[in-house]
């Protein structure tokens, strides 16, 4: 039961990370150019962690942007 709880918590944290990343990517892709919205092309590599333990160590893109 404890392993199941850890796995679920890991997946929830990973889902939260993906949600934050998705919002950041959408904000980046769409830009207002006067009254016309244009899309900016970008390439994004998404690496899926092999285990939920690695997902805990991934930092969100929002936190990384603040440091730069």
C-alpha atoms as a PDB file:
ATOM      1  CA  UNK A   1       0.000   0.000   0.000  1.00  0.00           C
ATOM      2  CA  UNK A   2       2.839   2.419   0.812  1.00  0.00           C
ATOM      3  CA  UNK A   3       4.410   1.838  -2.610  1.00  0.00           C
ATOM      4  CA  UNK A   4       1.077   2.576  -4.268  1.00  0.00           C
ATOM      5  CA  UNK A   5       0.760   5.839  -2.336  1.00  0.00           C
ATOM      6  CA  UNK A   6       4.290   6.880  -3.329  1.00  0.00           C
ATOM      7  CA  UNK A   7       3.598   6.065  -6.979  1.00  0.00           C
ATOM      8  CA  UNK A   8       0.366   8.073  -6.976  1.00  0.00           C
ATOM      9  CA  UNK A   9       2.045  11.071  -5.317  1.00  0.00           C
ATOM     10  CA  UNK A  10       4.874  10.901  -7.848  1.00  0.00           C
ATOM     11  CA  UNK A  11       2.431  10.828 -10.751  1.00  0.00           C
ATOM     12  CA  UNK A  12       0.476  13.772  -9.330  1.00  0.00           C
ATOM     13  CA  UNK A  13       3.666  15.824  -9.005  1.00  0.00           C
ATOM     14  CA  UNK A  14       4.662  14.877 -12.546  1.00  0.00           C
ATOM     15  CA  UNK A  15       1.199  15.859 -13.849  1.00  0.00           C
ATOM     16  CA  UNK A  16       1.508  19.231 -12.095  1.00  0.00           C
ATOM     17  CA  UNK A  17       4.896  19.780 -13.729  1.00  0.00           C
ATOM     18  CA  UNK A  18       3.479  18.977 -17.164  1.00  0.00           C
ATOM     19  CA  UNK A  19       0.569  21.349 -16.562  1.00  0.00           C
ATOM     20  CA  UNK A  20       2.929  24.216 -15.623  1.00  0.00           C
ATOM     21  CA  UNK A  21       5.115  23.501 -18.641  1.00  0.00           C
ATOM     22  CA  UNK A  22       2.096  23.435 -20.940  1.00  0.00           C
ATOM     23  CA  UNK A  23       0.926  26.861 -19.722  1.00  0.00           C
ATOM     24  CA  UNK A  24       4.420  28.302 -20.166  1.00  0.00           C
ATOM     25  CA  UNK A  25       4.694  26.884 -23.689  1.00  0.00           C
ATOM     26  CA  UNK A  26       1.274  28.254 -24.685  1.00  0.00           C
ATOM     27  CA  UNK A  27       2.200  31.707 -23.369  1.00  0.00           C
ATOM     28  CA  UNK A  28       5.406  31.580 -25.409  1.00  0.00           C
ATOM     29  CA  UNK A  29       3.834  30.315 -28.631  1.00  0.00           C
ATOM     30  CA  UNK A  30       1.099  32.918 -28.927  1.00  0.00           C
ATOM     31  CA  UNK A  31       2.128  36.560 -29.142  1.00  0.00           C
ATOM     32  CA  UNK A  32       0.037  39.618 -29.892  1.00  0.00           C
ATOM     33  CA  UNK A  33       1.334  41.521 -32.917  1.00  0.00           C
ATOM     34  CA  UNK A  34      -0.871  44.647 -32.992  1.00  0.00           C
ATOM     35  CA  UNK A  35      -4.314  43.083 -33.453  1.00  0.00           C
ATOM     36  CA  UNK A  36      -3.165  39.849 -35.097  1.00  0.00           C
ATOM     37  CA  UNK A  37      -2.065  36.811 -33.126  1.00  0.00           C
ATOM     38  CA  UNK A  38       0.875  35.033 -34.718  1.00  0.00           C
ATOM     39  CA  UNK A  39       2.396  31.730 -33.808  1.00  0.00           C
ATOM     40  CA  UNK A  40       6.099  31.427 -33.084  1.00  0.00           C
ATOM     41  CA  UNK A  41       7.702  28.205 -34.177  1.00  0.00           C
ATOM     42  CA  UNK A  42       9.757  26.387 -31.615  1.00  0.00           C
ATOM     43  CA  UNK A  43      11.051  22.929 -30.929  1.00  0.00           C
ATOM     44  CA  UNK A  44      10.514  21.427 -27.513  1.00  0.00           C
ATOM     45  CA  UNK A  45      12.085  18.212 -26.346  1.00  0.00           C
ATOM     46  CA  UNK A  46      10.150  16.439 -23.621  1.00  0.00           C
ATOM     47  CA  UNK A  47      12.048  13.853 -21.631  1.00  0.00           C
ATOM     48  CA  UNK A  48       9.918  11.428 -19.664  1.00  0.00           C
ATOM     49  CA  UNK A  49      11.586  10.266 -16.455  1.00  0.00           C
ATOM     50  CA  UNK A  50      12.125   6.542 -16.150  1.00  0.00           C
ATOM     51  CA  UNK A  51      10.755   6.517 -12.621  1.00  0.00           C
ATOM     52  CA  UNK A  52       8.635   8.740 -10.427  1.00  0.00           C
ATOM     53  CA  UNK A  53      11.672   9.352  -8.207  1.00  0.00           C
ATOM     54  CA  UNK A  54      13.358  11.259 -11.048  1.00  0.00           C
ATOM     55  CA  UNK A  55      10.192  13.335 -11.547  1.00  0.00           C
ATOM     56  CA  UNK A  56      10.690  14.850  -8.088  1.00  0.00           C
ATOM     57  CA  UNK A  57      14.042  16.300  -9.180  1.00  0.00           C
ATOM     58  CA  UNK A  58      12.727  18.056 -12.289  1.00  0.00           C
ATOM     59  CA  UNK A  59      12.307  21.799 -11.852  1.00  0.00           C
ATOM     60  CA  UNK A  60       9.508  23.659 -13.572  1.00  0.00           C
ATOM     61  CA  UNK A  61      10.254  26.004 -16.448  1.00  0.00           C
ATOM     62  CA  UNK A  62       8.723  28.902 -14.508  1.00  0.00           C
ATOM     63  CA  UNK A  63      11.303  28.573 -11.743  1.00  0.00           C
ATOM     64  CA  UNK A  64      14.098  28.279 -14.298  1.00  0.00           C
ATOM     65  CA  UNK A  65      12.939  31.453 -16.104  1.00  0.00           C
ATOM     66  CA  UNK A  66      13.051  33.479 -12.881  1.00  0.00           C
ATOM     67  CA  UNK A  67      16.710  32.558 -12.348  1.00  0.00           C
ATOM     68  CA  UNK A  68      17.724  33.772 -15.840  1.00  0.00           C
END
